[in-house]
């Protein structure tokens, strides 16, 4: 991440990833839901990370609505292996990944419940 986003300081907290991997339908549904409910992610995450290819599928005004959006113009993010897929959250503590969760088909039944902090 430091190579791709050199000006961004990694701090403890949660990071939202929107990756094109995993269940394509789930990613599309979750992305549509997030687009309509950006308040769920604003101020909850240290950053929201997307690749340039994923950004094309999001609303054009997402940069204005999500101030902590980081876009990987190289699309390397799509090929990195964090053990997560699709719409996911990584929790960082003391500079290390301590927990993660990826949205599942079950989570799509009530997406708002997915966007709660990881204990």
PDB file of N, CA and C in Angstrom:
ATOM      1  N   UNK A   1       0.818  -1.194   0.000  1.00  0.00           N
ATOM      2  CA  UNK A   1       0.000   0.000   0.000  1.00  0.00           C
ATOM      3  C   UNK A   1       0.862   1.257   0.000  1.00  0.00           C
ATOM      4  N   UNK A   2       1.981   1.191   0.699  1.00  0.00           N
ATOM      5  CA  UNK A   2       2.840   2.376   0.743  1.00  0.00           C
ATOM      6  C   UNK A   2       3.349   2.754  -0.642  1.00  0.00           C
ATOM      7  N   UNK A   3       3.601   1.747  -1.473  1.00  0.00           N
ATOM      8  CA  UNK A   3       4.084   2.010  -2.826  1.00  0.00           C
ATOM      9  C   UNK A   3       2.990   2.651  -3.683  1.00  0.00           C
ATOM     10  N   UNK A   4       1.781   2.146  -3.561  1.00  0.00           N
ATOM     11  CA  UNK A   4       0.675   2.637  -4.384  1.00  0.00           C
ATOM     12  C   UNK A   4       0.139   3.973  -3.878  1.00  0.00           C
ATOM     13  N   UNK A   5       0.105   4.142  -2.547  1.00  0.00           N
ATOM     14  CA  UNK A   5      -0.422   5.380  -1.941  1.00  0.00           C
ATOM     15  C   UNK A   5       0.628   5.968  -0.996  1.00  0.00           C
ATOM     16  N   UNK A   6       1.732   6.515  -1.535  1.00  0.00           N
ATOM     17  CA  UNK A   6       2.842   6.962  -0.695  1.00  0.00           C
ATOM     18  C   UNK A   6       2.496   8.105   0.268  1.00  0.00           C
ATOM     19  N   UNK A   7       1.511   8.899  -0.054  1.00  0.00           N
ATOM     20  CA  UNK A   7       1.158  10.034   0.808  1.00  0.00           C
ATOM     21  C   UNK A   7       0.153   9.669   1.886  1.00  0.00           C
ATOM     22  N   UNK A   8      -0.358   8.453   1.841  1.00  0.00           N
ATOM     23  CA  UNK A   8      -1.370   8.044   2.807  1.00  0.00           C
ATOM     24  C   UNK A   8      -0.713   7.381   4.005  1.00  0.00           C
ATOM     25  N   UNK A   9      -1.080   7.834   5.192  1.00  0.00           N
ATOM     26  CA  UNK A   9      -0.534   7.267   6.420  1.00  0.00           C
ATOM     27  C   UNK A   9      -1.464   6.155   6.908  1.00  0.00           C
ATOM     28  N   UNK A  10      -0.930   4.955   7.019  1.00  0.00           N
ATOM     29  CA  UNK A  10      -1.720   3.824   7.507  1.00  0.00           C
ATOM     30  C   UNK A  10      -1.828   3.943   9.020  1.00  0.00           C
ATOM     31  N   UNK A  11      -3.072   4.009   9.500  1.00  0.00           N
ATOM     32  CA  UNK A  11      -3.349   4.138  10.925  1.00  0.00           C
ATOM     33  C   UNK A  11      -4.212   2.969  11.372  1.00  0.00           C
ATOM     34  N   UNK A  12      -4.298   2.779  12.667  1.00  0.00           N
ATOM     35  CA  UNK A  12      -5.188   1.757  13.195  1.00  0.00           C
ATOM     36  C   UNK A  12      -6.620   2.109  12.833  1.00  0.00           C
ATOM     37  N   UNK A  13      -7.403   1.111  12.545  1.00  0.00           N
ATOM     38  CA  UNK A  13      -8.803   1.308  12.199  1.00  0.00           C
ATOM     39  C   UNK A  13      -9.204   0.329  11.117  1.00  0.00           C
ATOM     40  N   UNK A  14     -10.339   0.600  10.506  1.00  0.00           N
ATOM     41  CA  UNK A  14     -10.872  -0.281   9.480  1.00  0.00           C
ATOM     42  C   UNK A  14     -10.786   0.367   8.105  1.00  0.00           C
ATOM     43  N   UNK A  15     -10.536  -0.466   7.107  1.00  0.00           N
ATOM     44  CA  UNK A  15     -10.387  -0.038   5.719  1.00  0.00           C
ATOM     45  C   UNK A  15     -11.370  -0.820   4.867  1.00  0.00           C
ATOM     46  N   UNK A  16     -12.141  -0.118   4.077  1.00  0.00           N
ATOM     47  CA  UNK A  16     -13.109  -0.748   3.183  1.00  0.00           C
ATOM     48  C   UNK A  16     -12.472  -0.941   1.820  1.00  0.00           C
ATOM     49  N   UNK A  17     -12.554  -2.151   1.297  1.00  0.00           N
ATOM     50  CA  UNK A  17     -12.056  -2.482  -0.033  1.00  0.00           C
ATOM     51  C   UNK A  17     -13.227  -2.858  -0.921  1.00  0.00           C
ATOM     52  N   UNK A  18     -13.209  -2.384  -2.140  1.00  0.00           N
ATOM     53  CA  UNK A  18     -14.176  -2.816  -3.137  1.00  0.00           C
ATOM     54  C   UNK A  18     -13.350  -3.412  -4.264  1.00  0.00           C
ATOM     55  N   UNK A  19     -13.334  -4.744  -4.318  1.00  0.00           N
ATOM     56  CA  UNK A  19     -12.505  -5.494  -5.256  1.00  0.00           C
ATOM     57  C   UNK A  19     -13.389  -6.211  -6.276  1.00  0.00           C
ATOM     58  N   UNK A  20     -12.905  -6.406  -7.490  1.00  0.00           N
ATOM     59  CA  UNK A  20     -13.711  -7.067  -8.508  1.00  0.00           C
ATOM     60  C   UNK A  20     -13.723  -8.596  -8.378  1.00  0.00           C
ATOM     61  N   UNK A  21     -12.999  -9.135  -7.393  1.00  0.00           N
ATOM     62  CA  UNK A  21     -12.928 -10.581  -7.238  1.00  0.00           C
ATOM     63  C   UNK A  21     -14.115 -11.110  -6.445  1.00  0.00           C
ATOM     64  N   UNK A  22     -14.260 -12.410  -6.427  1.00  0.00           N
ATOM     65  CA  UNK A  22     -15.363 -13.026  -5.699  1.00  0.00           C
ATOM     66  C   UNK A  22     -16.607 -13.087  -6.567  1.00  0.00           C
ATOM     67  N   UNK A  23     -17.746 -13.176  -5.925  1.00  0.00           N
ATOM     68  CA  UNK A  23     -19.027 -13.262  -6.618  1.00  0.00           C
ATOM     69  C   UNK A  23     -19.335 -11.937  -7.307  1.00  0.00           C
ATOM     70  N   UNK A  24     -19.318 -11.956  -8.630  1.00  0.00           N
ATOM     71  CA  UNK A  24     -19.531 -10.717  -9.399  1.00  0.00           C
ATOM     72  C   UNK A  24     -20.894 -10.087  -9.088  1.00  0.00           C
ATOM     73  N   UNK A  25     -21.928 -10.910  -8.990  1.00  0.00           N
ATOM     74  CA  UNK A  25     -23.266 -10.403  -8.680  1.00  0.00           C
ATOM     75  C   UNK A  25     -23.293  -9.745  -7.300  1.00  0.00           C
ATOM     76  N   UNK A  26     -22.611 -10.359  -6.334  1.00  0.00           N
ATOM     77  CA  UNK A  26     -22.556  -9.790  -4.983  1.00  0.00           C
ATOM     78  C   UNK A  26     -21.869  -8.425  -4.987  1.00  0.00           C
ATOM     79  N   UNK A  27     -20.746  -8.333  -5.711  1.00  0.00           N
ATOM     80  CA  UNK A  27     -20.016  -7.062  -5.786  1.00  0.00           C
ATOM     81  C   UNK A  27     -20.900  -5.999  -6.431  1.00  0.00           C
ATOM     82  N   UNK A  28     -21.583  -6.351  -7.502  1.00  0.00           N
ATOM     83  CA  UNK A  28     -22.452  -5.384  -8.187  1.00  0.00           C
ATOM     84  C   UNK A  28     -23.603  -4.937  -7.289  1.00  0.00           C
ATOM     85  N   UNK A  29     -24.247  -5.889  -6.606  1.00  0.00           N
ATOM     86  CA  UNK A  29     -25.348  -5.522  -5.712  1.00  0.00           C
ATOM     87  C   UNK A  29     -24.867  -4.676  -4.545  1.00  0.00           C
ATOM     88  N   UNK A  30     -23.737  -5.064  -3.969  1.00  0.00           N
ATOM     89  CA  UNK A  30     -23.186  -4.304  -2.845  1.00  0.00           C
ATOM     90  C   UNK A  30     -22.764  -2.913  -3.288  1.00  0.00           C
ATOM     91  N   UNK A  31     -22.168  -2.810  -4.468  1.00  0.00           N
ATOM     92  CA  UNK A  31     -21.751  -1.514  -4.996  1.00  0.00           C
ATOM     93  C   UNK A  31     -22.964  -0.628  -5.255  1.00  0.00           C
ATOM     94  N   UNK A  32     -24.019  -1.193  -5.808  1.00  0.00           N
ATOM     95  CA  UNK A  32     -25.260  -0.435  -6.011  1.00  0.00           C
ATOM     96  C   UNK A  32     -25.812   0.046  -4.680  1.00  0.00           C
ATOM     97  N   UNK A  33     -25.790  -0.827  -3.684  1.00  0.00           N
ATOM     98  CA  UNK A  33     -26.293  -0.462  -2.357  1.00  0.00           C
ATOM     99  C   UNK A  33     -25.446   0.656  -1.749  1.00  0.00           C
ATOM    100  N   UNK A  34     -24.131   0.514  -1.830  1.00  0.00           N
ATOM    101  CA  UNK A  34     -23.247   1.549  -1.291  1.00  0.00           C
ATOM    102  C   UNK A  34     -23.436   2.876  -2.009  1.00  0.00           C
ATOM    103  N   UNK A  35     -23.636   2.824  -3.309  1.00  0.00           N
ATOM    104  CA  UNK A  35     -23.838   4.050  -4.086  1.00  0.00           C
ATOM    105  C   UNK A  35     -25.064   4.810  -3.611  1.00  0.00           C
ATOM    106  N   UNK A  36     -26.075   4.073  -3.185  1.00  0.00           N
ATOM    107  CA  UNK A  36     -27.309   4.698  -2.706  1.00  0.00           C
ATOM    108  C   UNK A  36     -27.247   5.055  -1.220  1.00  0.00           C
ATOM    109  N   UNK A  37     -26.263   4.497  -0.499  1.00  0.00           N
ATOM    110  CA  UNK A  37     -26.158   4.712   0.947  1.00  0.00           C
ATOM    111  C   UNK A  37     -24.723   5.043   1.342  1.00  0.00           C
ATOM    112  N   UNK A  38     -24.154   6.054   0.722  1.00  0.00           N
ATOM    113  CA  UNK A  38     -22.760   6.403   0.999  1.00  0.00           C
ATOM    114  C   UNK A  38     -22.532   6.814   2.446  1.00  0.00           C
ATOM    115  N   UNK A  39     -23.612   7.195   3.133  1.00  0.00           N
ATOM    116  CA  UNK A  39     -23.484   7.562   4.538  1.00  0.00           C
ATOM    117  C   UNK A  39     -22.988   6.386   5.384  1.00  0.00           C
ATOM    118  N   UNK A  40     -23.194   5.159   4.899  1.00  0.00           N
ATOM    119  CA  UNK A  40     -22.722   3.989   5.636  1.00  0.00           C
ATOM    120  C   UNK A  40     -21.197   3.940   5.713  1.00  0.00           C
ATOM    121  N   UNK A  41     -20.524   4.504   4.721  1.00  0.00           N
ATOM    122  CA  UNK A  41     -19.063   4.407   4.713  1.00  0.00           C
ATOM    123  C   UNK A  41     -18.353   5.704   5.061  1.00  0.00           C
ATOM    124  N   UNK A  42     -19.030   6.824   4.929  1.00  0.00           N
ATOM    125  CA  UNK A  42     -18.396   8.097   5.246  1.00  0.00           C
ATOM    126  C   UNK A  42     -18.098   8.152   6.744  1.00  0.00           C
ATOM    127  N   UNK A  43     -16.884   8.456   7.094  1.00  0.00           N
ATOM    128  CA  UNK A  43     -16.404   8.609   8.466  1.00  0.00           C
ATOM    129  C   UNK A  43     -16.265   7.306   9.246  1.00  0.00           C
ATOM    130  N   UNK A  44     -16.634   6.149   8.688  1.00  0.00           N
ATOM    131  CA  UNK A  44     -16.481   4.884   9.411  1.00  0.00           C
ATOM    132  C   UNK A  44     -15.132   4.236   9.160  1.00  0.00           C
ATOM    133  N   UNK A  45     -14.541   4.541   8.025  1.00  0.00           N
ATOM    134  CA  UNK A  45     -13.325   3.844   7.615  1.00  0.00           C
ATOM    135  C   UNK A  45     -12.176   4.823   7.444  1.00  0.00           C
ATOM    136  N   UNK A  46     -10.973   4.344   7.747  1.00  0.00           N
ATOM    137  CA  UNK A  46      -9.780   5.164   7.555  1.00  0.00           C
ATOM    138  C   UNK A  46      -9.634   5.524   6.082  1.00  0.00           C
ATOM    139  N   UNK A  47     -10.048   4.591   5.214  1.00  0.00           N
ATOM    140  CA  UNK A  47     -10.007   4.822   3.773  1.00  0.00           C
ATOM    141  C   UNK A  47     -10.887   3.782   3.095  1.00  0.00           C
ATOM    142  N   UNK A  48     -11.354   4.147   1.919  1.00  0.00           N
ATOM    143  CA  UNK A  48     -12.050   3.219   1.044  1.00  0.00           C
ATOM    144  C   UNK A  48     -11.150   3.042  -0.163  1.00  0.00           C
ATOM    145  N   UNK A  49     -10.750   1.813  -0.435  1.00  0.00           N
ATOM    146  CA  UNK A  49      -9.791   1.532  -1.502  1.00  0.00           C
ATOM    147  C   UNK A  49     -10.461   0.828  -2.671  1.00  0.00           C
ATOM    148  N   UNK A  50     -10.220   1.370  -3.850  1.00  0.00           N
ATOM    149  CA  UNK A  50     -10.750   0.788  -5.088  1.00  0.00           C
ATOM    150  C   UNK A  50      -9.669   0.890  -6.161  1.00  0.00           C
ATOM    151  N   UNK A  51      -9.799   0.064  -7.171  1.00  0.00           N
ATOM    152  CA  UNK A  51      -8.912   0.175  -8.330  1.00  0.00           C
ATOM    153  C   UNK A  51      -9.590   1.083  -9.347  1.00  0.00           C
ATOM    154  N   UNK A  52      -8.824   1.515 -10.322  1.00  0.00           N
ATOM    155  CA  UNK A  52      -9.389   2.362 -11.376  1.00  0.00           C
ATOM    156  C   UNK A  52     -10.490   1.629 -12.126  1.00  0.00           C
ATOM    157  N   UNK A  53     -10.311   0.322 -12.341  1.00  0.00           N
ATOM    158  CA  UNK A  53     -11.341  -0.441 -13.050  1.00  0.00           C
ATOM    159  C   UNK A  53     -12.632  -0.526 -12.236  1.00  0.00           C
ATOM    160  N   UNK A  54     -12.517  -0.653 -10.930  1.00  0.00           N
ATOM    161  CA  UNK A  54     -13.711  -0.692 -10.073  1.00  0.00           C
ATOM    162  C   UNK A  54     -14.355   0.688  -9.995  1.00  0.00           C
ATOM    163  N   UNK A  55     -13.540   1.718  -9.944  1.00  0.00           N
ATOM    164  CA  UNK A  55     -14.059   3.087  -9.841  1.00  0.00           C
ATOM    165  C   UNK A  55     -14.991   3.426 -10.998  1.00  0.00           C
ATOM    166  N   UNK A  56     -14.728   2.857 -12.165  1.00  0.00           N
ATOM    167  CA  UNK A  56     -15.571   3.122 -13.337  1.00  0.00           C
ATOM    168  C   UNK A  56     -17.007   2.654 -13.124  1.00  0.00           C
ATOM    169  N   UNK A  57     -17.200   1.665 -12.238  1.00  0.00           N
ATOM    170  CA  UNK A  57     -18.545   1.130 -11.982  1.00  0.00           C
ATOM    171  C   UNK A  57     -19.297   1.892 -10.892  1.00  0.00           C
ATOM    172  N   UNK A  58     -18.619   2.797 -10.233  1.00  0.00           N
ATOM    173  CA  UNK A  58     -19.238   3.564  -9.151  1.00  0.00           C
ATOM    174  C   UNK A  58     -19.755   4.897  -9.685  1.00  0.00           C
ATOM    175  N   UNK A  59     -20.641   5.558  -8.948  1.00  0.00           N
ATOM    176  CA  UNK A  59     -21.160   6.849  -9.420  1.00  0.00           C
ATOM    177  C   UNK A  59     -20.032   7.851  -9.648  1.00  0.00           C
ATOM    178  N   UNK A  60     -20.199   8.701 -10.632  1.00  0.00           N
ATOM    179  CA  UNK A  60     -19.155   9.663 -10.988  1.00  0.00           C
ATOM    180  C   UNK A  60     -18.843  10.645  -9.861  1.00  0.00           C
ATOM    181  N   UNK A  61     -19.787  10.872  -8.966  1.00  0.00           N
ATOM    182  CA  UNK A  61     -19.576  11.832  -7.881  1.00  0.00           C
ATOM    183  C   UNK A  61     -19.084  11.174  -6.592  1.00  0.00           C
ATOM    184  N   UNK A  62     -18.649   9.927  -6.660  1.00  0.00           N
ATOM    185  CA  UNK A  62     -18.241   9.234  -5.436  1.00  0.00           C
ATOM    186  C   UNK A  62     -17.035   9.894  -4.779  1.00  0.00           C
ATOM    187  N   UNK A  63     -16.134  10.463  -5.558  1.00  0.00           N
ATOM    188  CA  UNK A  63     -14.960  11.138  -4.971  1.00  0.00           C
ATOM    189  C   UNK A  63     -15.395  12.323  -4.099  1.00  0.00           C
ATOM    190  N   UNK A  64     -16.445  12.996  -4.494  1.00  0.00           N
ATOM    191  CA  UNK A  64     -16.947  14.123  -3.706  1.00  0.00           C
ATOM    192  C   UNK A  64     -17.637  13.638  -2.437  1.00  0.00           C
ATOM    193  N   UNK A  65     -18.323  12.516  -2.511  1.00  0.00           N
ATOM    194  CA  UNK A  65     -19.106  12.025  -1.381  1.00  0.00           C
ATOM    195  C   UNK A  65     -18.307  11.193  -0.394  1.00  0.00           C
ATOM    196  N   UNK A  66     -17.209  10.599  -0.848  1.00  0.00           N
ATOM    197  CA  UNK A  66     -16.363   9.779   0.027  1.00  0.00           C
ATOM    198  C   UNK A  66     -14.975  10.415   0.040  1.00  0.00           C
ATOM    199  N   UNK A  67     -14.729  11.304   0.995  1.00  0.00           N
ATOM    200  CA  UNK A  67     -13.470  12.068   0.994  1.00  0.00           C
ATOM    201  C   UNK A  67     -12.226  11.218   1.202  1.00  0.00           C
ATOM    202  N   UNK A  68     -12.365  10.051   1.801  1.00  0.00           N
ATOM    203  CA  UNK A  68     -11.198   9.215   2.071  1.00  0.00           C
ATOM    204  C   UNK A  68     -11.062   8.089   1.039  1.00  0.00           C
ATOM    205  N   UNK A  69     -11.518   8.326  -0.176  1.00  0.00           N
ATOM    206  CA  UNK A  69     -11.429   7.341  -1.256  1.00  0.00           C
ATOM    207  C   UNK A  69     -10.018   7.341  -1.840  1.00  0.00           C
ATOM    208  N   UNK A  70      -9.413   6.163  -1.904  1.00  0.00           N
ATOM    209  CA  UNK A  70      -8.105   5.999  -2.516  1.00  0.00           C
ATOM    210  C   UNK A  70      -8.279   5.124  -3.746  1.00  0.00           C
ATOM    211  N   UNK A  71      -7.849   5.622  -4.890  1.00  0.00           N
ATOM    212  CA  UNK A  71      -7.987   4.889  -6.141  1.00  0.00           C
ATOM    213  C   UNK A  71      -6.618   4.460  -6.639  1.00  0.00           C
ATOM    214  N   UNK A  72      -6.477   3.172  -6.866  1.00  0.00           N
ATOM    215  CA  UNK A  72      -5.247   2.604  -7.391  1.00  0.00           C
ATOM    216  C   UNK A  72      -5.290   2.678  -8.914  1.00  0.00           C
ATOM    217  N   UNK A  73      -4.625   3.655  -9.477  1.00  0.00           N
ATOM    218  CA  UNK A  73      -4.646   3.863 -10.929  1.00  0.00           C
ATOM    219  C   UNK A  73      -3.954   2.736 -11.690  1.00  0.00           C
ATOM    220  N   UNK A  74      -3.117   1.957 -11.015  1.00  0.00           N
ATOM    221  CA  UNK A  74      -2.394   0.874 -11.677  1.00  0.00           C
ATOM    222  C   UNK A  74      -3.178  -0.433 -11.710  1.00  0.00           C
ATOM    223  N   UNK A  75      -4.262  -0.506 -10.981  1.00  0.00           N
ATOM    224  CA  UNK A  75      -5.087  -1.711 -10.835  1.00  0.00           C
ATOM    225  C   UNK A  75      -4.345  -2.867 -10.160  1.00  0.00           C
ATOM    226  N   UNK A  76      -3.249  -2.584  -9.468  1.00  0.00           N
ATOM    227  CA  UNK A  76      -2.539  -3.623  -8.711  1.00  0.00           C
ATOM    228  C   UNK A  76      -3.411  -4.169  -7.594  1.00  0.00           C
ATOM    229  N   UNK A  77      -4.253  -3.324  -7.051  1.00  0.00           N
ATOM    230  CA  UNK A  77      -5.129  -3.722  -5.957  1.00  0.00           C
ATOM    231  C   UNK A  77      -5.984  -4.925  -6.342  1.00  0.00           C
ATOM    232  N   UNK A  78      -6.350  -5.012  -7.615  1.00  0.00           N
ATOM    233  CA  UNK A  78      -7.177  -6.122  -8.097  1.00  0.00           C
ATOM    234  C   UNK A  78      -6.434  -7.452  -8.051  1.00  0.00           C
ATOM    235  N   UNK A  79      -5.114  -7.395  -8.043  1.00  0.00           N
ATOM    236  CA  UNK A  79      -4.317  -8.619  -8.094  1.00  0.00           C
ATOM    237  C   UNK A  79      -3.648  -8.965  -6.769  1.00  0.00           C
ATOM    238  N   UNK A  80      -3.769  -8.115  -5.765  1.00  0.00           N
ATOM    239  CA  UNK A  80      -3.138  -8.377  -4.472  1.00  0.00           C
ATOM    240  C   UNK A  80      -3.936  -9.422  -3.702  1.00  0.00           C
ATOM    241  N   UNK A  81      -3.257 -10.143  -2.850  1.00  0.00           N
ATOM    242  CA  UNK A  81      -3.908 -11.188  -2.078  1.00  0.00           C
ATOM    243  C   UNK A  81      -3.909 -10.814  -0.595  1.00  0.00           C
ATOM    244  N   UNK A  82      -5.057 -10.360  -0.118  1.00  0.00           N
ATOM    245  CA  UNK A  82      -5.228 -10.024   1.299  1.00  0.00           C
ATOM    246  C   UNK A  82      -6.078 -11.080   1.999  1.00  0.00           C
ATOM    247  N   UNK A  83      -6.546 -12.070   1.243  1.00  0.00           N
ATOM    248  CA  UNK A  83      -7.459 -13.055   1.815  1.00  0.00           C
ATOM    249  C   UNK A  83      -8.890 -12.553   1.840  1.00  0.00           C
ATOM    250  N   UNK A  84      -9.170 -11.534   1.043  1.00  0.00           N
ATOM    251  CA  UNK A  84     -10.518 -10.971   0.976  1.00  0.00           C
ATOM    252  C   UNK A  84     -10.954 -10.903  -0.483  1.00  0.00           C
ATOM    253  N   UNK A  85     -12.246 -10.813  -0.683  1.00  0.00           N
ATOM    254  CA  UNK A  85     -12.817 -10.688  -2.022  1.00  0.00           C
ATOM    255  C   UNK A  85     -13.968  -9.710  -1.993  1.00  0.00           C
ATOM    256  N   UNK A  86     -14.282  -9.163  -3.161  1.00  0.00           N
ATOM    257  CA  UNK A  86     -15.464  -8.316  -3.299  1.00  0.00           C
ATOM    258  C   UNK A  86     -15.440  -7.120  -2.371  1.00  0.00           C
ATOM    259  N   UNK A  87     -16.555  -6.871  -1.717  1.00  0.00           N
ATOM    260  CA  UNK A  87     -16.670  -5.781  -0.741  1.00  0.00           C
ATOM    261  C   UNK A  87     -16.216  -6.357   0.590  1.00  0.00           C
ATOM    262  N   UNK A  88     -15.132  -5.798   1.115  1.00  0.00           N
ATOM    263  CA  UNK A  88     -14.511  -6.358   2.313  1.00  0.00           C
ATOM    264  C   UNK A  88     -13.980  -5.263   3.222  1.00  0.00           C
ATOM    265  N   UNK A  89     -13.730  -5.651   4.463  1.00  0.00           N
ATOM    266  CA  UNK A  89     -13.172  -4.740   5.457  1.00  0.00           C
ATOM    267  C   UNK A  89     -11.960  -5.406   6.096  1.00  0.00           C
ATOM    268  N   UNK A  90     -10.874  -4.652   6.205  1.00  0.00           N
ATOM    269  CA  UNK A  90      -9.683  -5.090   6.937  1.00  0.00           C
ATOM    270  C   UNK A  90      -9.549  -4.214   8.170  1.00  0.00           C
ATOM    271  N   UNK A  91      -9.242  -4.821   9.292  1.00  0.00           N
ATOM    272  CA  UNK A  91      -8.999  -4.070  10.519  1.00  0.00           C
ATOM    273  C   UNK A  91      -7.501  -4.099  10.800  1.00  0.00           C
ATOM    274  N   UNK A  92      -6.925  -2.914  10.998  1.00  0.00           N
ATOM    275  CA  UNK A  92      -5.497  -2.749  11.268  1.00  0.00           C
ATOM    276  C   UNK A  92      -5.324  -2.308  12.724  1.00  0.00           C
ATOM    277  N   UNK A  93      -4.411  -2.962  13.410  1.00  0.00           N
ATOM    278  CA  UNK A  93      -4.068  -2.557  14.770  1.00  0.00           C
ATOM    279  C   UNK A  93      -2.563  -2.711  14.924  1.00  0.00           C
ATOM    280  N   UNK A  94      -1.910  -1.672  15.400  1.00  0.00           N
ATOM    281  CA  UNK A  94      -0.449  -1.669  15.557  1.00  0.00           C
ATOM    282  C   UNK A  94       0.252  -2.018  14.246  1.00  0.00           C
ATOM    283  N   UNK A  95      -0.284  -1.519  13.135  1.00  0.00           N
ATOM    284  CA  UNK A  95       0.337  -1.718  11.835  1.00  0.00           C
ATOM    285  C   UNK A  95       0.157  -3.102  11.235  1.00  0.00           C
ATOM    286  N   UNK A  96      -0.669  -3.928  11.846  1.00  0.00           N
ATOM    287  CA  UNK A  96      -0.890  -5.297  11.355  1.00  0.00           C
ATOM    288  C   UNK A  96      -2.374  -5.548  11.103  1.00  0.00           C
ATOM    289  N   UNK A  97      -2.653  -6.416  10.148  1.00  0.00           N
ATOM    290  CA  UNK A  97      -4.025  -6.838   9.899  1.00  0.00           C
ATOM    291  C   UNK A  97      -4.409  -7.797  11.017  1.00  0.00           C
ATOM    292  N   UNK A  98      -5.449  -7.443  11.771  1.00  0.00           N
ATOM    293  CA  UNK A  98      -5.874  -8.289  12.894  1.00  0.00           C
ATOM    294  C   UNK A  98      -7.216  -8.972  12.632  1.00  0.00           C
ATOM    295  N   UNK A  99      -7.973  -8.491  11.662  1.00  0.00           N
ATOM    296  CA  UNK A  99      -9.258  -9.109  11.344  1.00  0.00           C
ATOM    297  C   UNK A  99      -9.699  -8.656   9.960  1.00  0.00           C
ATOM    298  N   UNK A 100     -10.560  -9.460   9.370  1.00  0.00           N
ATOM    299  CA  UNK A 100     -11.128  -9.085   8.088  1.00  0.00           C
ATOM    300  C   UNK A 100     -12.475  -9.766   7.915  1.00  0.00           C
ATOM    301  N   UNK A 101     -13.269  -9.217   7.044  1.00  0.00           N
ATOM    302  CA  UNK A 101     -14.538  -9.848   6.689  1.00  0.00           C
ATOM    303  C   UNK A 101     -14.880  -9.433   5.262  1.00  0.00           C
ATOM    304  N   UNK A 102     -15.492 -10.355   4.551  1.00  0.00           N
ATOM    305  CA  UNK A 102     -15.929 -10.097   3.184  1.00  0.00           C
ATOM    306  C   UNK A 102     -17.437 -10.286   3.121  1.00  0.00           C
ATOM    307  N   UNK A 103     -18.093  -9.441   2.360  1.00  0.00           N
ATOM    308  CA  UNK A 103     -19.542  -9.517   2.225  1.00  0.00           C
ATOM    309  C   UNK A 103     -19.926 -10.811   1.516  1.00  0.00           C
ATOM    310  N   UNK A 104     -20.952 -11.456   2.033  1.00  0.00           N
ATOM    311  CA  UNK A 104     -21.444 -12.703   1.465  1.00  0.00           C
ATOM    312  C   UNK A 104     -22.857 -12.501   0.917  1.00  0.00           C
ATOM    313  N   UNK A 105     -23.362 -13.515   0.277  1.00  0.00           N
ATOM    314  CA  UNK A 105     -24.738 -13.476  -0.235  1.00  0.00           C
ATOM    315  C   UNK A 105     -25.707 -13.247   0.925  1.00  0.00           C
ATOM    316  N   UNK A 106     -25.434 -13.870   2.074  1.00  0.00           N
ATOM    317  CA  UNK A 106     -26.282 -13.674   3.263  1.00  0.00           C
ATOM    318  C   UNK A 106     -26.301 -12.211   3.692  1.00  0.00           C
ATOM    319  N   UNK A 107     -25.147 -11.550   3.627  1.00  0.00           N
ATOM    320  CA  UNK A 107     -25.047 -10.140   4.029  1.00  0.00           C
ATOM    321  C   UNK A 107     -25.889  -9.243   3.130  1.00  0.00           C
ATOM    322  N   UNK A 108     -26.106  -9.651   1.892  1.00  0.00           N
ATOM    323  CA  UNK A 108     -26.886  -8.828   0.964  1.00  0.00           C
ATOM    324  C   UNK A 108     -28.363  -8.758   1.342  1.00  0.00           C
ATOM    325  N   UNK A 109     -28.810  -9.660   2.204  1.00  0.00           N
ATOM    326  CA  UNK A 109     -30.207  -9.615   2.659  1.00  0.00           C
ATOM    327  C   UNK A 109     -30.449  -8.371   3.506  1.00  0.00           C
ATOM    328  N   UNK A 110     -29.427  -7.953   4.243  1.00  0.00           N
ATOM    329  CA  UNK A 110     -29.495  -6.725   5.044  1.00  0.00           C
ATOM    330  C   UNK A 110     -28.107  -6.105   5.081  1.00  0.00           C
ATOM    331  N   UNK A 111     -27.714  -5.433   4.007  1.00  0.00           N
ATOM    332  CA  UNK A 111     -26.334  -4.924   3.885  1.00  0.00           C
ATOM    333  C   UNK A 111     -25.902  -3.983   5.005  1.00  0.00           C
ATOM    334  N   UNK A 112     -26.824  -3.221   5.574  1.00  0.00           N
ATOM    335  CA  UNK A 112     -26.442  -2.270   6.623  1.00  0.00           C
ATOM    336  C   UNK A 112     -25.778  -2.989   7.796  1.00  0.00           C
ATOM    337  N   UNK A 113     -26.190  -4.224   8.064  1.00  0.00           N
ATOM    338  CA  UNK A 113     -25.589  -4.974   9.177  1.00  0.00           C
ATOM    339  C   UNK A 113     -24.126  -5.333   8.919  1.00  0.00           C
ATOM    340  N   UNK A 114     -23.738  -5.384   7.643  1.00  0.00           N
ATOM    341  CA  UNK A 114     -22.346  -5.696   7.323  1.00  0.00           C
ATOM    342  C   UNK A 114     -21.422  -4.541   7.705  1.00  0.00           C
ATOM    343  N   UNK A 115     -21.926  -3.311   7.580  1.00  0.00           N
ATOM    344  CA  UNK A 115     -21.090  -2.129   7.779  1.00  0.00           C
ATOM    345  C   UNK A 115     -21.077  -1.664   9.232  1.00  0.00           C
ATOM    346  N   UNK A 116     -20.892  -2.618  10.139  1.00  0.00           N
ATOM    347  CA  UNK A 116     -20.705  -2.302  11.549  1.00  0.00           C
ATOM    348  C   UNK A 116     -19.265  -2.645  11.880  1.00  0.00           C
ATOM    349  N   UNK A 117     -18.683  -1.994  12.870  1.00  0.00           N
ATOM    350  CA  UNK A 117     -17.264  -2.242  13.191  1.00  0.00           C
ATOM    351  C   UNK A 117     -16.993  -3.706  13.524  1.00  0.00           C
ATOM    352  N   UNK A 118     -15.806  -4.158  13.174  1.00  0.00           N
ATOM    353  CA  UNK A 118     -15.365  -5.500  13.535  1.00  0.00           C
ATOM    354  C   UNK A 118     -14.965  -5.454  15.016  1.00  0.00           C
ATOM    355  N   UNK A 119     -15.485  -6.373  15.810  1.00  0.00           N
ATOM    356  CA  UNK A 119     -15.125  -6.363  17.246  1.00  0.00           C
ATOM    357  C   UNK A 119     -13.655  -6.659  17.483  1.00  0.00           C
TER     358      UNK A 119
END
